Amino acid sequence: MFETLITWATSQVAVYAGGSILAYVVSTLILKKIPTKKVRAWIYELFYMIGKMISAAGNKWKWTAKIWENTIEPWICGFIDMIGGAVISGFLDGLRSDNE
């Protein structure tokens, strides 16, 4: 029985050590090589083009052309900013909640 306990404890130590080494390798060698500025610029450009297309469509559509710029577009921008900001800040605050 004592041998079984020692075998189990040894395997647990090996798993923790291997996991720690793997976490170090992933975080320092792989994740740091991702060009975050380029990825952010690409995502920004994609959503900029989507916003530009939606705005152009709102200005050209016969039912919204007269009220798009002053009524609908500011409301949509404010609503998305409010919801998106709350989602992002809540998520990031939750991630940081256990940090001191």
N, C-alpha and C. Protein backbone atom coordinates (compact mmCIF):
# COMPACT_ATOMS: atom_id res chain seq x y z
N MET A 1 0.81 -1.19 0.00
CA MET A 1 0.00 0.00 0.00
C MET A 1 0.86 1.26 0.00
N PHE A 2 1.95 1.24 0.76
CA PHE A 2 2.84 2.39 0.82
C PHE A 2 3.50 2.63 -0.54
N GLU A 3 3.82 1.55 -1.24
CA GLU A 3 4.44 1.66 -2.56
C GLU A 3 3.46 2.31 -3.55
N THR A 4 2.20 1.97 -3.44
CA THR A 4 1.18 2.55 -4.32
C THR A 4 1.06 4.04 -4.08
N LEU A 5 1.09 4.45 -2.82
CA LEU A 5 1.01 5.86 -2.47
C LEU A 5 2.23 6.62 -3.01
N ILE A 6 3.41 6.03 -2.88
CA ILE A 6 4.63 6.66 -3.39
C ILE A 6 4.58 6.77 -4.91
N THR A 7 4.09 5.72 -5.57
CA THR A 7 3.97 5.75 -7.03
C THR A 7 3.00 6.84 -7.47
N TRP A 8 1.88 6.94 -6.78
CA TRP A 8 0.90 7.97 -7.12
C TRP A 8 1.49 9.36 -6.90
N ALA A 9 2.16 9.60 -5.79
CA ALA A 9 2.75 10.90 -5.47
C ALA A 9 3.82 11.26 -6.50
N THR A 10 4.63 10.29 -6.89
CA THR A 10 5.67 10.53 -7.88
C THR A 10 5.07 10.91 -9.22
N SER A 11 4.00 10.23 -9.60
CA SER A 11 3.36 10.56 -10.88
C SER A 11 2.74 11.96 -10.83
N GLN A 12 2.18 12.33 -9.67
CA GLN A 12 1.62 13.67 -9.54
C GLN A 12 2.70 14.74 -9.65
N VAL A 13 3.83 14.51 -9.03
CA VAL A 13 4.93 15.46 -9.12
C VAL A 13 5.40 15.59 -10.56
N ALA A 14 5.48 14.46 -11.27
CA ALA A 14 5.89 14.48 -12.67
C ALA A 14 4.88 15.25 -13.52
N VAL A 15 3.60 15.06 -13.26
CA VAL A 15 2.57 15.78 -14.01
C VAL A 15 2.66 17.27 -13.75
N TYR A 16 2.82 17.69 -12.51
CA TYR A 16 2.92 19.11 -12.18
C TYR A 16 4.18 19.72 -12.79
N ALA A 17 5.28 19.02 -12.72
CA ALA A 17 6.53 19.53 -13.30
C ALA A 17 6.40 19.63 -14.81
N GLY A 18 5.85 18.61 -15.43
CA GLY A 18 5.66 18.65 -16.89
C GLY A 18 4.70 19.75 -17.31
N GLY A 19 3.64 19.92 -16.56
CA GLY A 19 2.69 20.99 -16.86
C GLY A 19 3.31 22.36 -16.70
N SER A 20 4.12 22.53 -15.70
CA SER A 20 4.79 23.82 -15.49
C SER A 20 5.75 24.12 -16.62
N ILE A 21 6.50 23.11 -17.03
CA ILE A 21 7.44 23.31 -18.14
C ILE A 21 6.68 23.62 -19.43
N LEU A 22 5.59 22.91 -19.67
CA LEU A 22 4.78 23.15 -20.87
C LEU A 22 4.18 24.56 -20.84
N ALA A 23 3.69 24.99 -19.69
CA ALA A 23 3.13 26.34 -19.58
C ALA A 23 4.19 27.39 -19.85
N TYR A 24 5.39 27.17 -19.35
CA TYR A 24 6.50 28.10 -19.59
C TYR A 24 6.83 28.16 -21.07
N VAL A 25 6.92 27.00 -21.70
CA VAL A 25 7.26 26.96 -23.12
C VAL A 25 6.19 27.66 -23.95
N VAL A 26 4.93 27.37 -23.67
CA VAL A 26 3.84 27.99 -24.44
C VAL A 26 3.83 29.49 -24.24
N SER A 27 3.97 29.95 -23.00
CA SER A 27 3.85 31.38 -22.73
C SER A 27 5.06 32.17 -23.22
N THR A 28 6.25 31.64 -23.06
CA THR A 28 7.42 32.44 -23.42
C THR A 28 7.89 32.23 -24.85
N LEU A 29 7.77 31.06 -25.35
CA LEU A 29 8.32 30.81 -26.68
C LEU A 29 7.30 30.95 -27.79
N ILE A 30 6.08 30.57 -27.55
CA ILE A 30 5.09 30.58 -28.63
C ILE A 30 4.25 31.84 -28.61
N LEU A 31 3.64 32.16 -27.45
CA LEU A 31 2.72 33.30 -27.40
C LEU A 31 3.41 34.64 -27.64
N LYS A 32 4.66 34.76 -27.26
CA LYS A 32 5.37 36.01 -27.47
C LYS A 32 5.75 36.23 -28.93
N LYS A 33 5.66 35.21 -29.74
CA LYS A 33 6.00 35.35 -31.15
C LYS A 33 4.81 35.81 -31.99
N ILE A 34 3.62 35.87 -31.40
CA ILE A 34 2.45 36.34 -32.12
C ILE A 34 2.56 37.86 -32.28
N PRO A 35 2.52 38.36 -33.51
CA PRO A 35 2.65 39.81 -33.72
C PRO A 35 1.35 40.53 -33.36
N THR A 36 1.19 40.86 -32.09
CA THR A 36 -0.08 41.41 -31.61
C THR A 36 -0.44 42.73 -32.27
N LYS A 37 0.53 43.56 -32.60
CA LYS A 37 0.23 44.84 -33.25
C LYS A 37 -0.34 44.61 -34.64
N LYS A 38 0.21 43.63 -35.35
CA LYS A 38 -0.29 43.32 -36.69
C LYS A 38 -1.68 42.69 -36.62
N VAL A 39 -1.90 41.82 -35.65
CA VAL A 39 -3.22 41.19 -35.50
C VAL A 39 -4.25 42.24 -35.14
N ARG A 40 -3.92 43.14 -34.21
CA ARG A 40 -4.84 44.20 -33.83
C ARG A 40 -5.14 45.11 -35.01
N ALA A 41 -4.12 45.47 -35.79
CA ALA A 41 -4.33 46.32 -36.96
C ALA A 41 -5.23 45.63 -37.99
N TRP A 42 -5.05 44.34 -38.18
CA TRP A 42 -5.88 43.59 -39.13
C TRP A 42 -7.33 43.56 -38.67
N ILE A 43 -7.56 43.29 -37.38
CA ILE A 43 -8.92 43.25 -36.84
C ILE A 43 -9.55 44.64 -36.92
N TYR A 44 -8.79 45.66 -36.59
CA TYR A 44 -9.30 47.03 -36.68
C TYR A 44 -9.72 47.35 -38.12
N GLU A 45 -8.85 47.03 -39.06
CA GLU A 45 -9.14 47.32 -40.47
C GLU A 45 -10.39 46.58 -40.95
N LEU A 46 -10.55 45.33 -40.54
CA LEU A 46 -11.72 44.54 -40.91
C LEU A 46 -13.00 45.20 -40.39
N PHE A 47 -13.03 45.55 -39.12
CA PHE A 47 -14.24 46.14 -38.55
C PHE A 47 -14.45 47.58 -39.02
N TYR A 48 -13.38 48.27 -39.37
CA TYR A 48 -13.52 49.59 -39.98
C TYR A 48 -14.25 49.48 -41.31
N MET A 49 -13.86 48.53 -42.12
CA MET A 49 -14.52 48.33 -43.41
C MET A 49 -15.99 47.92 -43.24
N ILE A 50 -16.27 47.07 -42.26
CA ILE A 50 -17.66 46.67 -41.99
C ILE A 50 -18.48 47.89 -41.58
N GLY A 51 -17.95 48.71 -40.68
CA GLY A 51 -18.65 49.93 -40.26
C GLY A 51 -18.86 50.89 -41.41
N LYS A 52 -17.86 51.01 -42.26
CA LYS A 52 -17.96 51.89 -43.42
C LYS A 52 -19.06 51.42 -44.38
N MET A 53 -19.16 50.10 -44.59
CA MET A 53 -20.20 49.56 -45.46
C MET A 53 -21.59 49.77 -44.87
N ILE A 54 -21.73 49.56 -43.56
CA ILE A 54 -23.03 49.77 -42.91
C ILE A 54 -23.43 51.24 -42.98
N SER A 55 -22.49 52.14 -42.75
CA SER A 55 -22.78 53.57 -42.81
C SER A 55 -23.18 54.00 -44.22
N ALA A 56 -22.47 53.49 -45.21
CA ALA A 56 -22.81 53.82 -46.59
C ALA A 56 -24.20 53.29 -46.94
N ALA A 57 -24.52 52.10 -46.49
CA ALA A 57 -25.85 51.53 -46.75
C ALA A 57 -26.93 52.34 -46.06
N GLY A 58 -26.69 52.79 -44.85
CA GLY A 58 -27.68 53.60 -44.12
C GLY A 58 -27.91 54.94 -44.79
N ASN A 59 -26.87 55.51 -45.37
CA ASN A 59 -27.01 56.80 -46.06
C ASN A 59 -27.71 56.66 -47.41
N LYS A 60 -27.63 55.51 -48.04
CA LYS A 60 -28.20 55.32 -49.37
C LYS A 60 -29.60 54.70 -49.37
N TRP A 61 -29.97 54.04 -48.30
CA TRP A 61 -31.27 53.38 -48.24
C TRP A 61 -32.36 54.43 -48.16
N LYS A 62 -33.41 54.31 -48.96
CA LYS A 62 -34.40 55.38 -49.05
C LYS A 62 -35.15 55.63 -47.75
N TRP A 63 -35.32 54.63 -46.91
CA TRP A 63 -36.06 54.80 -45.66
C TRP A 63 -35.22 55.44 -44.55
N THR A 64 -33.90 55.33 -44.65
CA THR A 64 -33.05 55.86 -43.58
C THR A 64 -32.14 56.99 -44.03
N ALA A 65 -32.13 57.32 -45.30
CA ALA A 65 -31.18 58.31 -45.82
C ALA A 65 -31.30 59.66 -45.12
N LYS A 66 -32.50 60.12 -44.82
CA LYS A 66 -32.70 61.45 -44.24
C LYS A 66 -32.38 61.51 -42.75
N ILE A 67 -32.50 60.39 -42.05
CA ILE A 67 -32.30 60.43 -40.59
C ILE A 67 -31.10 59.62 -40.12
N TRP A 68 -30.33 59.06 -41.04
CA TRP A 68 -29.22 58.19 -40.65
C TRP A 68 -28.15 58.94 -39.86
N GLU A 69 -27.63 60.03 -40.41
CA GLU A 69 -26.48 60.74 -39.82
C GLU A 69 -26.78 61.32 -38.44
N ASN A 70 -27.95 61.87 -38.24
CA ASN A 70 -28.24 62.60 -37.00
C ASN A 70 -29.04 61.83 -35.97
N THR A 71 -29.69 60.75 -36.37
CA THR A 71 -30.56 60.05 -35.43
C THR A 71 -30.15 58.60 -35.22
N ILE A 72 -30.13 57.84 -36.28
CA ILE A 72 -29.91 56.39 -36.15
C ILE A 72 -28.45 56.06 -35.84
N GLU A 73 -27.53 56.62 -36.62
CA GLU A 73 -26.11 56.28 -36.45
C GLU A 73 -25.58 56.62 -35.05
N PRO A 74 -25.85 57.82 -34.51
CA PRO A 74 -25.37 58.09 -33.14
C PRO A 74 -25.96 57.14 -32.09
N TRP A 75 -27.22 56.76 -32.27
CA TRP A 75 -27.84 55.83 -31.33
C TRP A 75 -27.16 54.47 -31.41
N ILE A 76 -26.91 53.97 -32.62
CA ILE A 76 -26.25 52.67 -32.80
C ILE A 76 -24.83 52.72 -32.22
N CYS A 77 -24.10 53.80 -32.52
CA CYS A 77 -22.73 53.92 -31.99
C CYS A 77 -22.72 53.94 -30.46
N GLY A 78 -23.62 54.70 -29.86
CA GLY A 78 -23.70 54.76 -28.40
C GLY A 78 -24.08 53.43 -27.78
N PHE A 79 -25.04 52.74 -28.41
CA PHE A 79 -25.49 51.45 -27.89
C PHE A 79 -24.37 50.40 -27.96
N ILE A 80 -23.71 50.32 -29.10
CA ILE A 80 -22.63 49.33 -29.25
C ILE A 80 -21.46 49.68 -28.33
N ASP A 81 -21.16 50.96 -28.20
CA ASP A 81 -20.09 51.38 -27.29
C ASP A 81 -20.42 51.02 -25.85
N MET A 82 -21.68 51.23 -25.45
CA MET A 82 -22.10 50.91 -24.09
C MET A 82 -22.02 49.40 -23.83
N ILE A 83 -22.60 48.60 -24.73
CA ILE A 83 -22.61 47.15 -24.54
C ILE A 83 -21.21 46.57 -24.65
N GLY A 84 -20.50 46.95 -25.72
CA GLY A 84 -19.13 46.42 -25.92
C GLY A 84 -18.20 46.82 -24.80
N GLY A 85 -18.31 48.08 -24.36
CA GLY A 85 -17.47 48.53 -23.25
C GLY A 85 -17.75 47.79 -21.97
N ALA A 86 -19.03 47.53 -21.69
CA ALA A 86 -19.39 46.79 -20.48
C ALA A 86 -18.91 45.35 -20.55
N VAL A 87 -19.04 44.73 -21.71
CA VAL A 87 -18.58 43.34 -21.87
C VAL A 87 -17.07 43.25 -21.68
N ILE A 88 -16.33 44.11 -22.35
CA ILE A 88 -14.87 44.05 -22.28
C ILE A 88 -14.37 44.40 -20.89
N SER A 89 -14.87 45.51 -20.30
CA SER A 89 -14.37 45.89 -18.98
C SER A 89 -14.78 44.87 -17.91
N GLY A 90 -15.98 44.33 -18.00
CA GLY A 90 -16.40 43.30 -17.05
C GLY A 90 -15.56 42.04 -17.16
N PHE A 91 -15.28 41.63 -18.40
CA PHE A 91 -14.47 40.44 -18.62
C PHE A 91 -13.04 40.64 -18.10
N LEU A 92 -12.44 41.78 -18.42
CA LEU A 92 -11.07 42.03 -17.97
C LEU A 92 -11.01 42.21 -16.46
N ASP A 93 -11.99 42.88 -15.87
CA ASP A 93 -12.02 43.00 -14.40
C ASP A 93 -12.17 41.64 -13.74
N GLY A 94 -12.95 40.75 -14.35
CA GLY A 94 -13.10 39.40 -13.83
C GLY A 94 -11.80 38.62 -13.89
N LEU A 95 -11.06 38.79 -15.00
CA LEU A 95 -9.77 38.12 -15.11
C LEU A 95 -8.78 38.62 -14.07
N ARG A 96 -8.85 39.91 -13.79
CA ARG A 96 -7.90 40.51 -12.84
C ARG A 96 -8.37 40.43 -11.40
N SER A 97 -9.54 39.85 -11.15
CA SER A 97 -10.12 39.89 -9.81
C SER A 97 -9.30 39.16 -8.75
N ASP A 98 -8.53 38.17 -9.14
CA ASP A 98 -7.73 37.45 -8.14
C ASP A 98 -6.32 37.99 -8.02
N ASN A 99 -5.98 39.02 -8.79
CA ASN A 99 -4.65 39.66 -8.67
C ASN A 99 -4.68 40.65 -7.53
N GLU A 100 -3.55 40.81 -6.91
CA GLU A 100 -3.48 41.78 -5.80
C GLU A 100 -2.85 43.07 -6.25
